[in-house]
Amino acid sequence: MKNYALLNNVDHQDLRVITDHSAELGDDMMYSVTFPAEFRNVQAHYPILFFADDGNNEMYPVALFGFQQKENLFLTDKGWDASYIPASVQREPFLIGTQAKQNDPSGEHQRMVSIDMDSPKLSKESGERLFEPLGGTTPYLERVANLLEGMHEGYAHGIDFMLALREHDLVESITLEIELKDGSQNQLLGFSTINEDKVKSLSGETLQMFSEKGYLAPLFMVVASMASMEKLVDRKNASLN
């Protein structure tokens, strides 16, 4: 369970964030949520699949790092072994929260940076400072805030992207049968991907609409990302040595 608090320069003046990556720092995740604006970078390293939230049946794209819970095949003793790390991993231990605007009778909320106070990435001895000695934000925190704002917009576009895919029946469940070099048989269950045959049958009008709304390029990035599945299997095999 996360323990988020709205970040401020009084309670959190001395906090630092460790930006290294390891299982001990909470990076032992099988996948992370991603969004269309970063698909081009993500697909170069990770398969992009779709995962449905059982609670509300919402489906969202994820970058796959392993084949079982708490398995991240990109973690090494030197850190994260890829030139691009998905934004939802980079942003840890931060999140965008909301707070009612002061003296605003409309009840409108503004976005605020929150931080997980129970995160193993927090420290008071090492890592990136969040605030300057006189209370101003550090360049590191400003970069984090910009990242979070970009993610907020990216996730909103991602919701529309997924709705369009499902509306046109382009999403299908997938079961991957994976045989490793030790002879073990493994299955990847619970994920979905794009039905390429149905993409080929889309009308010109639909393709134009997808292009205008910024859905077409991400759609093909998802398809292209499946080439990274073989590389992920290679990582799994290498881990068996």
C-alpha atoms as a PDB file:
ATOM      1  CA  MET A   1       0.000   0.000   0.000  1.00  0.00           C
ATOM      2  CA  LYS A   2       1.293   3.440  -0.987  1.00  0.00           C
ATOM      3  CA  ASN A   3       1.366   6.226   1.570  1.00  0.00           C
ATOM      4  CA  TYR A   4       1.137   9.421  -0.484  1.00  0.00           C
ATOM      5  CA  ALA A   5       1.459  12.908   0.968  1.00  0.00           C
ATOM      6  CA  LEU A   6       1.289  16.241  -0.850  1.00  0.00           C
ATOM      7  CA  LEU A   7       4.870  17.410  -1.239  1.00  0.00           C
ATOM      8  CA  ASN A   8       5.864  20.627   0.519  1.00  0.00           C
ATOM      9  CA  ASN A   9       9.096  22.361   1.475  1.00  0.00           C
ATOM     10  CA  VAL A  10       8.353  22.308   5.199  1.00  0.00           C
ATOM     11  CA  ASP A  11       7.632  18.668   5.991  1.00  0.00           C
ATOM     12  CA  HIS A  12       9.914  17.356   3.243  1.00  0.00           C
ATOM     13  CA  GLN A  13      12.777  19.851   3.295  1.00  0.00           C
ATOM     14  CA  ASP A  14      15.420  17.223   4.066  1.00  0.00           C
ATOM     15  CA  LEU A  15      14.115  14.417   1.860  1.00  0.00           C
ATOM     16  CA  ARG A  16      16.235  13.006  -0.928  1.00  0.00           C
ATOM     17  CA  VAL A  17      15.361  10.485  -3.634  1.00  0.00           C
ATOM     18  CA  ILE A  18      17.636   7.624  -4.644  1.00  0.00           C
ATOM     19  CA  THR A  19      17.463   7.401  -8.435  1.00  0.00           C
ATOM     20  CA  ASP A  20      19.216   4.040  -8.781  1.00  0.00           C
ATOM     21  CA  HIS A  21      17.204   0.969  -9.790  1.00  0.00           C
ATOM     22  CA  SER A  22      17.156  -2.362  -7.982  1.00  0.00           C
ATOM     23  CA  ALA A  23      14.767  -4.924  -6.554  1.00  0.00           C
ATOM     24  CA  GLU A  24      15.480  -3.574  -3.084  1.00  0.00           C
ATOM     25  CA  LEU A  25      14.357  -0.128  -4.236  1.00  0.00           C
ATOM     26  CA  GLY A  26      11.014  -1.446  -5.477  1.00  0.00           C
ATOM     27  CA  ASP A  27      11.826  -1.941  -9.156  1.00  0.00           C
ATOM     28  CA  ASP A  28      11.095  -5.684  -9.124  1.00  0.00           C
ATOM     29  CA  MET A  29       7.955  -5.253 -11.224  1.00  0.00           C
ATOM     30  CA  MET A  30       6.731  -7.528 -13.985  1.00  0.00           C
ATOM     31  CA  TYR A  31       5.334  -4.614 -16.012  1.00  0.00           C
ATOM     32  CA  SER A  32       4.497  -0.937 -15.792  1.00  0.00           C
ATOM     33  CA  VAL A  33       1.776   1.214 -17.309  1.00  0.00           C
ATOM     34  CA  THR A  34       2.739   3.126 -20.431  1.00  0.00           C
ATOM     35  CA  PHE A  35       0.989   5.529 -22.829  1.00  0.00           C
ATOM     36  CA  PRO A  36       1.024   6.278 -26.581  1.00  0.00           C
ATOM     37  CA  ALA A  37       3.336   9.306 -26.434  1.00  0.00           C
ATOM     38  CA  GLU A  38       6.222   7.107 -25.281  1.00  0.00           C
ATOM     39  CA  PHE A  39       5.428   3.986 -27.347  1.00  0.00           C
ATOM     40  CA  ARG A  40       8.180   4.781 -29.867  1.00  0.00           C
ATOM     41  CA  ASN A  41      10.833   4.624 -27.150  1.00  0.00           C
ATOM     42  CA  VAL A  42       9.206   1.778 -25.235  1.00  0.00           C
ATOM     43  CA  GLN A  43       8.803  -0.565 -28.205  1.00  0.00           C
ATOM     44  CA  ALA A  44      12.539  -0.497 -28.884  1.00  0.00           C
ATOM     45  CA  HIS A  45      13.120  -2.473 -25.665  1.00  0.00           C
ATOM     46  CA  TYR A  46       9.863  -3.907 -24.287  1.00  0.00           C
ATOM     47  CA  PRO A  47       6.783  -5.712 -25.597  1.00  0.00           C
ATOM     48  CA  ILE A  48       3.683  -3.529 -25.248  1.00  0.00           C
ATOM     49  CA  LEU A  49       0.598  -5.466 -24.185  1.00  0.00           C
ATOM     50  CA  PHE A  50      -2.797  -4.549 -22.758  1.00  0.00           C
ATOM     51  CA  PHE A  51      -3.964  -5.426 -19.269  1.00  0.00           C
ATOM     52  CA  ALA A  52      -7.491  -5.177 -17.883  1.00  0.00           C
ATOM     53  CA  ASP A  53      -8.205  -3.940 -14.379  1.00  0.00           C
ATOM     54  CA  ASP A  54     -10.619  -6.446 -12.837  1.00  0.00           C
ATOM     55  CA  GLY A  55     -12.092  -3.741 -10.644  1.00  0.00           C
ATOM     56  CA  ASN A  56     -13.565  -1.536 -13.380  1.00  0.00           C
ATOM     57  CA  ASN A  57     -12.792  -3.439 -16.588  1.00  0.00           C
ATOM     58  CA  GLU A  58     -10.620  -0.568 -17.763  1.00  0.00           C
ATOM     59  CA  MET A  59      -7.859  -1.701 -20.105  1.00  0.00           C
ATOM     60  CA  TYR A  60      -4.510   0.008 -20.306  1.00  0.00           C
ATOM     61  CA  PRO A  61      -1.200  -0.530 -22.148  1.00  0.00           C
ATOM     62  CA  VAL A  62       1.787  -1.897 -20.250  1.00  0.00           C
ATOM     63  CA  ALA A  63       5.487  -2.403 -20.948  1.00  0.00           C
ATOM     64  CA  LEU A  64       6.440  -5.992 -20.106  1.00  0.00           C
ATOM     65  CA  PHE A  65       9.623  -6.636 -18.095  1.00  0.00           C
ATOM     66  CA  GLY A  66       9.242 -10.287 -17.106  1.00  0.00           C
ATOM     67  CA  PHE A  67       7.033 -13.364 -17.177  1.00  0.00           C
ATOM     68  CA  GLN A  68       5.991 -13.706 -13.555  1.00  0.00           C
ATOM     69  CA  GLN A  69       5.136 -11.450 -10.635  1.00  0.00           C
ATOM     70  CA  LYS A  70       8.080  -9.438  -9.225  1.00  0.00           C
ATOM     71  CA  GLU A  71      10.322 -10.487 -12.114  1.00  0.00           C
ATOM     72  CA  ASN A  72      12.117  -7.650 -13.874  1.00  0.00           C
ATOM     73  CA  LEU A  73      14.621  -9.052 -16.336  1.00  0.00           C
ATOM     74  CA  PHE A  74      16.078  -5.589 -16.978  1.00  0.00           C
ATOM     75  CA  LEU A  75      17.516  -5.281 -13.494  1.00  0.00           C
ATOM     76  CA  THR A  76      21.201  -6.108 -13.130  1.00  0.00           C
ATOM     77  CA  ASP A  77      23.815  -5.480 -10.459  1.00  0.00           C
ATOM     78  CA  LYS A  78      24.586  -2.260 -12.370  1.00  0.00           C
ATOM     79  CA  GLY A  79      21.011  -0.996 -12.463  1.00  0.00           C
ATOM     80  CA  TRP A  80      18.425  -0.927 -15.265  1.00  0.00           C
ATOM     81  CA  ASP A  81      19.771  -2.481 -18.456  1.00  0.00           C
ATOM     82  CA  ALA A  82      18.023  -0.431 -21.156  1.00  0.00           C
ATOM     83  CA  SER A  83      18.598   3.025 -22.615  1.00  0.00           C
ATOM     84  CA  TYR A  84      14.955   3.999 -22.076  1.00  0.00           C
ATOM     85  CA  ILE A  85      13.054   3.507 -18.819  1.00  0.00           C
ATOM     86  CA  PRO A  86       9.257   3.952 -19.001  1.00  0.00           C
ATOM     87  CA  ALA A  87       7.968   7.162 -17.449  1.00  0.00           C
ATOM     88  CA  SER A  88       5.863   5.349 -14.846  1.00  0.00           C
ATOM     89  CA  VAL A  89       9.095   3.822 -13.502  1.00  0.00           C
ATOM     90  CA  GLN A  90      11.079   7.060 -13.750  1.00  0.00           C
ATOM     91  CA  ARG A  91       8.484   8.984 -11.747  1.00  0.00           C
ATOM     92  CA  GLU A  92       8.719   6.808  -8.627  1.00  0.00           C
ATOM     93  CA  PRO A  93       8.173   7.667  -5.799  1.00  0.00           C
ATOM     94  CA  PHE A  94       6.068  10.598  -7.035  1.00  0.00           C
ATOM     95  CA  LEU A  95       2.486  10.927  -8.216  1.00  0.00           C
ATOM     96  CA  ILE A  96       0.230  13.785  -9.230  1.00  0.00           C
ATOM     97  CA  GLY A  97      -2.324  14.495  -6.511  1.00  0.00           C
ATOM     98  CA  THR A  98      -5.031  17.148  -6.305  1.00  0.00           C
ATOM     99  CA  GLN A  99      -5.848  19.867  -3.802  1.00  0.00           C
ATOM    100  CA  ALA A 100      -8.731  22.333  -3.673  1.00  0.00           C
ATOM    101  CA  LYS A 101      -7.692  25.833  -4.734  1.00  0.00           C
ATOM    102  CA  GLN A 102      -7.641  28.268  -1.856  1.00  0.00           C
ATOM    103  CA  ASN A 103     -10.360  30.936  -1.816  1.00  0.00           C
ATOM    104  CA  ASP A 104     -12.018  29.397  -4.871  1.00  0.00           C
ATOM    105  CA  PRO A 105     -15.791  29.039  -4.309  1.00  0.00           C
ATOM    106  CA  SER A 106     -16.122  26.882  -7.419  1.00  0.00           C
ATOM    107  CA  GLY A 107     -14.410  24.018  -5.618  1.00  0.00           C
ATOM    108  CA  GLU A 108     -11.953  23.570  -8.485  1.00  0.00           C
ATOM    109  CA  HIS A 109      -8.898  21.439  -7.738  1.00  0.00           C
ATOM    110  CA  GLN A 110      -5.322  21.965  -8.853  1.00  0.00           C
ATOM    111  CA  ARG A 111      -2.741  19.289  -9.535  1.00  0.00           C
ATOM    112  CA  MET A 112      -0.017  18.895  -6.939  1.00  0.00           C
ATOM    113  CA  VAL A 113       3.022  16.652  -6.653  1.00  0.00           C
ATOM    114  CA  SER A 114       2.610  13.863  -4.088  1.00  0.00           C
ATOM    115  CA  ILE A 115       5.270  11.541  -2.737  1.00  0.00           C
ATOM    116  CA  ASP A 116       5.079   8.018  -1.315  1.00  0.00           C
ATOM    117  CA  MET A 117       6.410   8.371   2.200  1.00  0.00           C
ATOM    118  CA  ASP A 118       6.921   4.612   2.511  1.00  0.00           C
ATOM    119  CA  SER A 119       9.028   4.287  -0.642  1.00  0.00           C
ATOM    120  CA  PRO A 120      12.449   2.631  -0.228  1.00  0.00           C
ATOM    121  CA  LYS A 121      13.775   5.284  -2.618  1.00  0.00           C
ATOM    122  CA  LEU A 122      13.481   7.987   0.047  1.00  0.00           C
ATOM    123  CA  SER A 123      16.491   8.938   2.117  1.00  0.00           C
ATOM    124  CA  LYS A 124      17.876  11.800   4.155  1.00  0.00           C
ATOM    125  CA  GLU A 125      21.499  10.857   3.582  1.00  0.00           C
ATOM    126  CA  SER A 126      21.890  10.142  -0.131  1.00  0.00           C
ATOM    127  CA  GLY A 127      20.186  10.819  -3.442  1.00  0.00           C
ATOM    128  CA  GLU A 128      18.737  13.858  -5.194  1.00  0.00           C
ATOM    129  CA  ARG A 129      17.586  16.756  -3.035  1.00  0.00           C
ATOM    130  CA  LEU A 130      14.012  17.985  -3.570  1.00  0.00           C
ATOM    131  CA  PHE A 131      14.353  21.450  -2.087  1.00  0.00           C
ATOM    132  CA  GLU A 132      17.109  24.024  -1.853  1.00  0.00           C
ATOM    133  CA  PRO A 133      18.245  25.122   1.637  1.00  0.00           C
ATOM    134  CA  LEU A 134      16.035  28.239   1.425  1.00  0.00           C
ATOM    135  CA  GLY A 135      12.998  26.256   0.283  1.00  0.00           C
ATOM    136  CA  GLY A 136      13.086  26.583  -3.503  1.00  0.00           C
ATOM    137  CA  THR A 137      12.659  23.514  -5.700  1.00  0.00           C
ATOM    138  CA  THR A 138      15.760  21.836  -7.095  1.00  0.00           C
ATOM    139  CA  PRO A 139      16.280  21.210 -10.835  1.00  0.00           C
ATOM    140  CA  TYR A 140      15.653  17.510 -10.104  1.00  0.00           C
ATOM    141  CA  LEU A 141      12.201  18.187  -8.642  1.00  0.00           C
ATOM    142  CA  GLU A 142      11.364  20.512 -11.526  1.00  0.00           C
ATOM    143  CA  ARG A 143      12.222  17.699 -13.975  1.00  0.00           C
ATOM    144  CA  VAL A 144      10.000  15.343 -11.995  1.00  0.00           C
ATOM    145  CA  ALA A 145       7.113  17.834 -12.075  1.00  0.00           C
ATOM    146  CA  ASN A 146       7.459  18.189 -15.851  1.00  0.00           C
ATOM    147  CA  LEU A 147       7.547  14.395 -16.218  1.00  0.00           C
ATOM    148  CA  LEU A 148       4.388  14.015 -14.135  1.00  0.00           C
ATOM    149  CA  GLU A 149       2.567  16.678 -16.133  1.00  0.00           C
ATOM    150  CA  GLY A 150       3.507  14.939 -19.378  1.00  0.00           C
ATOM    151  CA  MET A 151       2.311  11.623 -17.960  1.00  0.00           C
ATOM    152  CA  HIS A 152      -1.003  13.163 -16.896  1.00  0.00           C
ATOM    153  CA  GLU A 153      -1.646  14.294 -20.461  1.00  0.00           C
ATOM    154  CA  GLY A 154      -0.275  11.048 -21.888  1.00  0.00           C
ATOM    155  CA  TYR A 155      -2.567   8.861 -19.784  1.00  0.00           C
ATOM    156  CA  ALA A 156      -5.622  10.889 -20.843  1.00  0.00           C
ATOM    157  CA  HIS A 157      -4.709  10.313 -24.497  1.00  0.00           C
ATOM    158  CA  GLY A 158      -4.061   6.653 -23.700  1.00  0.00           C
ATOM    159  CA  ILE A 159      -7.593   6.199 -22.336  1.00  0.00           C
ATOM    160  CA  ASP A 160      -9.048   7.559 -25.574  1.00  0.00           C
ATOM    161  CA  PHE A 161      -6.660   5.374 -27.580  1.00  0.00           C
ATOM    162  CA  MET A 162      -7.790   2.225 -25.784  1.00  0.00           C
ATOM    163  CA  LEU A 163     -11.465   3.145 -26.176  1.00  0.00           C
ATOM    164  CA  ALA A 164     -10.950   3.541 -29.929  1.00  0.00           C
ATOM    165  CA  LEU A 165      -9.185   0.180 -30.198  1.00  0.00           C
ATOM    166  CA  ARG A 166     -11.952  -1.603 -28.324  1.00  0.00           C
ATOM    167  CA  GLU A 167     -14.707   0.241 -30.190  1.00  0.00           C
ATOM    168  CA  HIS A 168     -13.295  -1.097 -33.465  1.00  0.00           C
ATOM    169  CA  ASP A 169     -12.748  -4.579 -32.003  1.00  0.00           C
ATOM    170  CA  LEU A 170      -8.985  -4.467 -32.528  1.00  0.00           C
ATOM    171  CA  VAL A 171      -8.033  -5.977 -29.155  1.00  0.00           C
ATOM    172  CA  GLU A 172      -7.755  -9.721 -28.591  1.00  0.00           C
ATOM    173  CA  SER A 173      -6.607 -11.774 -25.620  1.00  0.00           C
ATOM    174  CA  ILE A 174      -3.286 -13.525 -26.000  1.00  0.00           C
ATOM    175  CA  THR A 175      -1.739 -16.632 -24.477  1.00  0.00           C
ATOM    176  CA  LEU A 176       1.983 -17.010 -25.043  1.00  0.00           C
ATOM    177  CA  GLU A 177       3.558 -20.440 -24.762  1.00  0.00           C
ATOM    178  CA  ILE A 178       7.219 -19.986 -23.905  1.00  0.00           C
ATOM    179  CA  GLU A 179       9.740 -22.830 -23.828  1.00  0.00           C
ATOM    180  CA  LEU A 180      12.992 -22.003 -22.079  1.00  0.00           C
ATOM    181  CA  LYS A 181      16.390 -23.563 -22.673  1.00  0.00           C
ATOM    182  CA  ASP A 182      16.052 -25.672 -19.524  1.00  0.00           C
ATOM    183  CA  GLY A 183      13.048 -27.346 -21.135  1.00  0.00           C
ATOM    184  CA  SER A 184      10.456 -25.725 -18.865  1.00  0.00           C
ATOM    185  CA  GLN A 185       7.163 -24.649 -20.386  1.00  0.00           C
ATOM    186  CA  ASN A 186       5.803 -21.254 -19.386  1.00  0.00           C
ATOM    187  CA  GLN A 187       2.556 -19.451 -20.162  1.00  0.00           C
ATOM    188  CA  LEU A 188       1.897 -15.731 -20.180  1.00  0.00           C
ATOM    189  CA  LEU A 189      -1.779 -15.245 -19.345  1.00  0.00           C
ATOM    190  CA  GLY A 190      -4.104 -12.338 -18.689  1.00  0.00           C
ATOM    191  CA  PHE A 191      -2.865  -9.963 -21.381  1.00  0.00           C
ATOM    192  CA  SER A 192      -4.207  -8.777 -24.723  1.00  0.00           C
ATOM    193  CA  THR A 193      -2.709  -7.454 -27.937  1.00  0.00           C
ATOM    194  CA  ILE A 194      -3.809  -5.999 -31.285  1.00  0.00           C
ATOM    195  CA  ASN A 195      -5.470  -8.238 -33.858  1.00  0.00           C
ATOM    196  CA  GLU A 196      -3.407  -7.464 -36.953  1.00  0.00           C
ATOM    197  CA  ASP A 197      -5.910  -9.043 -39.356  1.00  0.00           C
ATOM    198  CA  LYS A 198      -8.637  -6.684 -38.163  1.00  0.00           C
ATOM    199  CA  VAL A 199      -6.280  -3.722 -38.530  1.00  0.00           C
ATOM    200  CA  LYS A 200      -5.778  -4.674 -42.187  1.00  0.00           C
ATOM    201  CA  SER A 201      -9.533  -4.599 -42.760  1.00  0.00           C
ATOM    202  CA  LEU A 202     -10.082  -1.112 -41.317  1.00  0.00           C
ATOM    203  CA  SER A 203     -11.748   1.311 -43.717  1.00  0.00           C
ATOM    204  CA  GLY A 204      -9.908   4.290 -45.120  1.00  0.00           C
ATOM    205  CA  GLU A 205     -12.232   6.561 -43.168  1.00  0.00           C
ATOM    206  CA  THR A 206     -11.346   4.851 -39.879  1.00  0.00           C
ATOM    207  CA  LEU A 207      -7.630   4.938 -40.655  1.00  0.00           C
ATOM    208  CA  GLN A 208      -7.876   8.651 -41.390  1.00  0.00           C
ATOM    209  CA  MET A 209      -9.700   9.222 -38.112  1.00  0.00           C
ATOM    210  CA  PHE A 210      -7.031   7.230 -36.239  1.00  0.00           C
ATOM    211  CA  SER A 211      -4.323   9.311 -37.889  1.00  0.00           C
ATOM    212  CA  GLU A 212      -6.011  12.629 -37.082  1.00  0.00           C
ATOM    213  CA  LYS A 213      -6.479  11.688 -33.412  1.00  0.00           C
ATOM    214  CA  GLY A 214      -2.922  10.427 -33.017  1.00  0.00           C
ATOM    215  CA  TYR A 215      -3.868   6.750 -32.694  1.00  0.00           C
ATOM    216  CA  LEU A 216      -2.390   5.315 -35.886  1.00  0.00           C
ATOM    217  CA  ALA A 217       1.333   5.554 -35.130  1.00  0.00           C
ATOM    218  CA  PRO A 218       0.915   4.169 -31.567  1.00  0.00           C
ATOM    219  CA  LEU A 219      -1.147   1.291 -32.955  1.00  0.00           C
ATOM    220  CA  PHE A 220       1.710   0.227 -35.221  1.00  0.00           C
ATOM    221  CA  MET A 221       4.214   0.761 -32.408  1.00  0.00           C
ATOM    222  CA  VAL A 222       2.305  -1.814 -30.361  1.00  0.00           C
ATOM    223  CA  VAL A 223       2.476  -4.270 -33.248  1.00  0.00           C
ATOM    224  CA  ALA A 224       6.195  -3.582 -33.763  1.00  0.00           C
ATOM    225  CA  SER A 225       6.916  -4.032 -30.057  1.00  0.00           C
ATOM    226  CA  MET A 226       6.123  -7.738 -30.233  1.00  0.00           C
ATOM    227  CA  ALA A 227       9.538  -8.174 -31.848  1.00  0.00           C
ATOM    228  CA  SER A 228      10.926  -7.415 -28.380  1.00  0.00           C
ATOM    229  CA  MET A 229       9.254 -10.519 -26.954  1.00  0.00           C
ATOM    230  CA  GLU A 230      12.011 -12.735 -28.320  1.00  0.00           C
ATOM    231  CA  LYS A 231      14.629 -10.478 -26.726  1.00  0.00           C
ATOM    232  CA  LEU A 232      12.776 -10.749 -23.420  1.00  0.00           C
ATOM    233  CA  VAL A 233      12.830 -14.545 -23.682  1.00  0.00           C
ATOM    234  CA  ASP A 234      16.584 -14.320 -24.326  1.00  0.00           C
ATOM    235  CA  ARG A 235      16.954 -12.337 -21.104  1.00  0.00           C
ATOM    236  CA  LYS A 236      14.960 -14.979 -19.258  1.00  0.00           C
ATOM    237  CA  ASN A 237      17.175 -17.727 -20.644  1.00  0.00           C
ATOM    238  CA  ALA A 238      20.311 -15.796 -19.699  1.00  0.00           C
ATOM    239  CA  SER A 239      19.006 -15.509 -16.135  1.00  0.00           C
ATOM    240  CA  LEU A 240      18.922 -19.320 -15.883  1.00  0.00           C
ATOM    241  CA  ASN A 241      22.713 -19.600 -16.115  1.00  0.00           C
END
